[in-house]
């Protein structure tokens, strides 16, 4: 499969356990704004997969990653 030269790259990827937060630069008419996506990696009989579905036990990890993402964004754009 050919590589796409203009494939967007994340600004930062944060991981805690099996949960990942990825910070993207979202280009708009008013400037660049961060966008954060979360995913959880799990393994089944067919191998490793990612999902955007989370259980109650994942919420503290998502909260911690959200805080880390906010701190990273603030450090990039001091107000």
N, C-alpha and C. Protein backbone atom coordinates (compact mmCIF):
# COMPACT_ATOMS: atom_id res chain seq x y z
N UNK A 1 0.85 -1.17 0.00
CA UNK A 1 0.00 0.00 0.00
C UNK A 1 0.90 1.24 0.00
N UNK A 2 0.66 2.22 -0.88
CA UNK A 2 1.50 3.41 -0.95
C UNK A 2 1.31 4.30 0.28
N UNK A 3 2.38 4.94 0.69
CA UNK A 3 2.32 5.87 1.82
C UNK A 3 1.75 7.20 1.35
N UNK A 4 0.99 7.83 2.21
CA UNK A 4 0.44 9.14 1.91
C UNK A 4 1.34 10.18 2.54
N UNK A 5 1.94 11.03 1.73
CA UNK A 5 2.88 12.02 2.22
C UNK A 5 2.22 13.04 3.14
N UNK A 6 0.95 13.32 2.92
CA UNK A 6 0.25 14.34 3.70
C UNK A 6 -0.59 13.76 4.83
N UNK A 7 -0.31 12.54 5.23
CA UNK A 7 -1.08 11.93 6.31
C UNK A 7 -0.86 12.71 7.61
N UNK A 8 -1.93 13.17 8.24
CA UNK A 8 -1.77 13.96 9.46
C UNK A 8 -1.09 13.15 10.57
N UNK A 9 -0.22 13.81 11.28
CA UNK A 9 0.47 13.20 12.41
C UNK A 9 -0.06 13.82 13.70
N UNK A 10 -0.18 13.04 14.76
CA UNK A 10 -0.65 13.61 16.03
C UNK A 10 0.37 14.57 16.62
N UNK A 11 -0.13 15.53 17.39
CA UNK A 11 0.76 16.41 18.13
C UNK A 11 1.42 15.67 19.28
N UNK A 12 0.65 14.77 19.89
CA UNK A 12 1.13 14.03 21.06
C UNK A 12 0.26 12.80 21.26
N UNK A 13 0.88 11.71 21.70
CA UNK A 13 0.14 10.50 22.08
C UNK A 13 0.48 10.18 23.52
N UNK A 14 -0.56 10.00 24.33
CA UNK A 14 -0.41 9.71 25.76
C UNK A 14 -0.99 8.33 26.03
N UNK A 15 -0.31 7.54 26.88
CA UNK A 15 -0.81 6.19 27.17
C UNK A 15 -0.77 5.93 28.67
N UNK A 16 -1.80 5.28 29.15
CA UNK A 16 -1.86 4.73 30.50
C UNK A 16 -2.50 3.36 30.38
N UNK A 17 -1.73 2.33 30.66
CA UNK A 17 -2.26 0.98 30.53
C UNK A 17 -2.69 0.71 29.11
N UNK A 18 -3.93 0.28 28.94
CA UNK A 18 -4.44 -0.06 27.61
C UNK A 18 -5.23 1.07 26.96
N UNK A 19 -5.23 2.25 27.59
CA UNK A 19 -5.97 3.40 27.06
C UNK A 19 -4.97 4.40 26.47
N UNK A 20 -5.31 4.94 25.30
CA UNK A 20 -4.47 5.92 24.62
C UNK A 20 -5.28 7.17 24.32
N UNK A 21 -4.69 8.34 24.57
CA UNK A 21 -5.27 9.62 24.16
C UNK A 21 -4.34 10.20 23.11
N UNK A 22 -4.90 10.59 21.99
CA UNK A 22 -4.12 11.18 20.91
C UNK A 22 -4.60 12.60 20.68
N UNK A 23 -3.66 13.54 20.66
CA UNK A 23 -3.98 14.95 20.47
C UNK A 23 -3.64 15.31 19.03
N UNK A 24 -4.63 15.84 18.33
CA UNK A 24 -4.50 16.21 16.92
C UNK A 24 -4.62 17.72 16.77
N UNK A 25 -4.02 18.27 15.72
CA UNK A 25 -4.20 19.68 15.37
C UNK A 25 -5.38 19.76 14.41
N UNK A 26 -6.43 20.40 14.83
CA UNK A 26 -7.64 20.55 14.02
C UNK A 26 -7.62 21.93 13.37
N UNK A 27 -7.31 21.98 12.08
CA UNK A 27 -7.22 23.24 11.35
C UNK A 27 -8.61 23.74 10.99
N UNK A 28 -8.93 24.96 11.42
CA UNK A 28 -10.21 25.58 11.10
C UNK A 28 -9.97 26.95 10.48
N UNK A 29 -11.03 27.61 10.06
CA UNK A 29 -10.91 28.96 9.50
C UNK A 29 -10.41 29.95 10.54
N UNK A 30 -10.63 29.66 11.83
CA UNK A 30 -10.23 30.57 12.91
C UNK A 30 -8.89 30.20 13.53
N UNK A 31 -8.22 29.21 12.96
CA UNK A 31 -6.92 28.81 13.48
C UNK A 31 -6.88 27.33 13.78
N UNK A 32 -5.83 26.94 14.47
CA UNK A 32 -5.63 25.54 14.83
C UNK A 32 -6.13 25.30 16.24
N UNK A 33 -6.97 24.28 16.39
CA UNK A 33 -7.50 23.92 17.70
C UNK A 33 -7.23 22.44 17.94
N UNK A 34 -6.92 22.08 19.17
CA UNK A 34 -6.65 20.67 19.46
C UNK A 34 -7.93 19.84 19.48
N UNK A 35 -7.77 18.60 19.08
CA UNK A 35 -8.85 17.62 19.11
C UNK A 35 -8.26 16.36 19.74
N UNK A 36 -8.94 15.77 20.70
CA UNK A 36 -8.42 14.61 21.41
C UNK A 36 -9.30 13.40 21.14
N UNK A 37 -8.66 12.28 20.76
CA UNK A 37 -9.38 11.03 20.60
C UNK A 37 -8.84 10.03 21.61
N UNK A 38 -9.70 9.12 22.04
CA UNK A 38 -9.34 8.08 23.00
C UNK A 38 -9.60 6.72 22.37
N UNK A 39 -8.76 5.76 22.70
CA UNK A 39 -9.01 4.38 22.26
C UNK A 39 -8.53 3.43 23.36
N UNK A 40 -9.12 2.26 23.37
CA UNK A 40 -8.74 1.19 24.30
C UNK A 40 -8.31 -0.01 23.47
N UNK A 41 -7.15 -0.56 23.82
CA UNK A 41 -6.64 -1.75 23.14
C UNK A 41 -7.03 -2.97 23.95
N UNK A 42 -7.50 -4.01 23.25
CA UNK A 42 -7.84 -5.26 23.92
C UNK A 42 -7.39 -6.43 23.04
N UNK A 43 -7.29 -7.58 23.65
CA UNK A 43 -6.86 -8.78 22.93
C UNK A 43 -7.93 -9.85 23.04
N UNK A 44 -8.20 -10.51 21.91
CA UNK A 44 -9.10 -11.66 21.90
C UNK A 44 -8.40 -12.80 21.17
N UNK A 45 -9.13 -13.82 20.83
CA UNK A 45 -8.54 -15.00 20.18
C UNK A 45 -7.91 -14.67 18.83
N UNK A 46 -8.37 -13.59 18.19
CA UNK A 46 -7.85 -13.21 16.88
C UNK A 46 -6.70 -12.22 16.93
N UNK A 47 -6.35 -11.74 18.12
CA UNK A 47 -5.24 -10.80 18.26
C UNK A 47 -5.66 -9.50 18.93
N UNK A 48 -4.85 -8.46 18.72
CA UNK A 48 -5.10 -7.16 19.34
C UNK A 48 -6.01 -6.31 18.46
N UNK A 49 -6.87 -5.53 19.13
CA UNK A 49 -7.81 -4.64 18.45
C UNK A 49 -7.92 -3.34 19.25
N UNK A 50 -8.42 -2.30 18.60
CA UNK A 50 -8.71 -1.03 19.26
C UNK A 50 -10.20 -0.77 19.20
N UNK A 51 -10.69 -0.10 20.24
CA UNK A 51 -12.10 0.27 20.29
C UNK A 51 -12.23 1.65 20.92
N UNK A 52 -13.32 2.33 20.62
CA UNK A 52 -13.62 3.60 21.26
C UNK A 52 -14.73 3.44 22.30
N UNK A 53 -14.97 2.20 22.70
CA UNK A 53 -15.97 1.89 23.72
C UNK A 53 -15.24 1.64 25.04
N UNK A 54 -15.78 2.22 26.12
CA UNK A 54 -15.12 2.13 27.42
C UNK A 54 -16.10 1.68 28.48
N UNK A 55 -15.59 1.00 29.47
CA UNK A 55 -16.39 0.57 30.60
C UNK A 55 -16.19 1.50 31.80
N UNK A 56 -16.99 1.28 32.82
CA UNK A 56 -16.90 2.11 34.02
C UNK A 56 -15.49 2.10 34.61
N UNK A 57 -14.83 0.95 34.60
CA UNK A 57 -13.49 0.84 35.18
C UNK A 57 -12.45 1.64 34.41
N UNK A 58 -12.76 2.02 33.17
CA UNK A 58 -11.83 2.81 32.36
C UNK A 58 -11.90 4.31 32.66
N UNK A 59 -12.96 4.75 33.31
CA UNK A 59 -13.17 6.19 33.50
C UNK A 59 -12.07 6.88 34.28
N UNK A 60 -11.53 6.31 35.37
CA UNK A 60 -10.41 7.00 36.04
C UNK A 60 -9.19 7.18 35.14
N UNK A 61 -8.91 6.21 34.29
CA UNK A 61 -7.78 6.32 33.37
C UNK A 61 -8.05 7.40 32.33
N UNK A 62 -9.27 7.45 31.82
CA UNK A 62 -9.63 8.49 30.85
C UNK A 62 -9.53 9.86 31.50
N UNK A 63 -9.95 9.98 32.75
CA UNK A 63 -9.85 11.26 33.46
C UNK A 63 -8.38 11.68 33.61
N UNK A 64 -7.52 10.74 33.96
CA UNK A 64 -6.10 11.05 34.11
C UNK A 64 -5.49 11.46 32.77
N UNK A 65 -5.83 10.76 31.71
CA UNK A 65 -5.32 11.12 30.39
C UNK A 65 -5.87 12.47 29.93
N UNK A 66 -7.12 12.76 30.26
CA UNK A 66 -7.71 14.06 29.92
C UNK A 66 -6.93 15.18 30.59
N UNK A 67 -6.56 14.98 31.85
CA UNK A 67 -5.79 15.98 32.58
C UNK A 67 -4.41 16.17 31.93
N UNK A 68 -3.76 15.07 31.57
CA UNK A 68 -2.46 15.15 30.91
C UNK A 68 -2.57 15.86 29.56
N UNK A 69 -3.63 15.57 28.83
CA UNK A 69 -3.84 16.22 27.53
C UNK A 69 -4.06 17.72 27.71
N UNK A 70 -4.83 18.09 28.71
CA UNK A 70 -5.08 19.51 28.98
C UNK A 70 -3.77 20.21 29.33
N UNK A 71 -2.94 19.58 30.15
CA UNK A 71 -1.67 20.17 30.54
C UNK A 71 -0.74 20.33 29.33
N UNK A 72 -0.71 19.33 28.45
CA UNK A 72 0.11 19.43 27.25
C UNK A 72 -0.37 20.58 26.37
N UNK A 73 -1.67 20.67 26.14
CA UNK A 73 -2.23 21.72 25.29
C UNK A 73 -1.93 23.09 25.89
N UNK A 74 -2.10 23.21 27.20
CA UNK A 74 -1.82 24.50 27.87
C UNK A 74 -0.34 24.87 27.72
N UNK A 75 0.54 23.89 27.78
CA UNK A 75 1.97 24.19 27.66
C UNK A 75 2.34 24.63 26.24
N UNK A 76 1.57 24.22 25.26
CA UNK A 76 1.81 24.60 23.88
C UNK A 76 1.22 25.97 23.54
N UNK A 77 0.17 26.34 24.26
CA UNK A 77 -0.54 27.60 24.01
C UNK A 77 -0.72 28.38 25.31
N UNK A 78 0.37 28.89 25.90
CA UNK A 78 0.21 29.61 27.17
C UNK A 78 -0.68 30.84 26.98
N UNK A 79 -1.62 30.99 27.88
CA UNK A 79 -2.56 32.12 27.76
C UNK A 79 -2.14 33.28 28.64
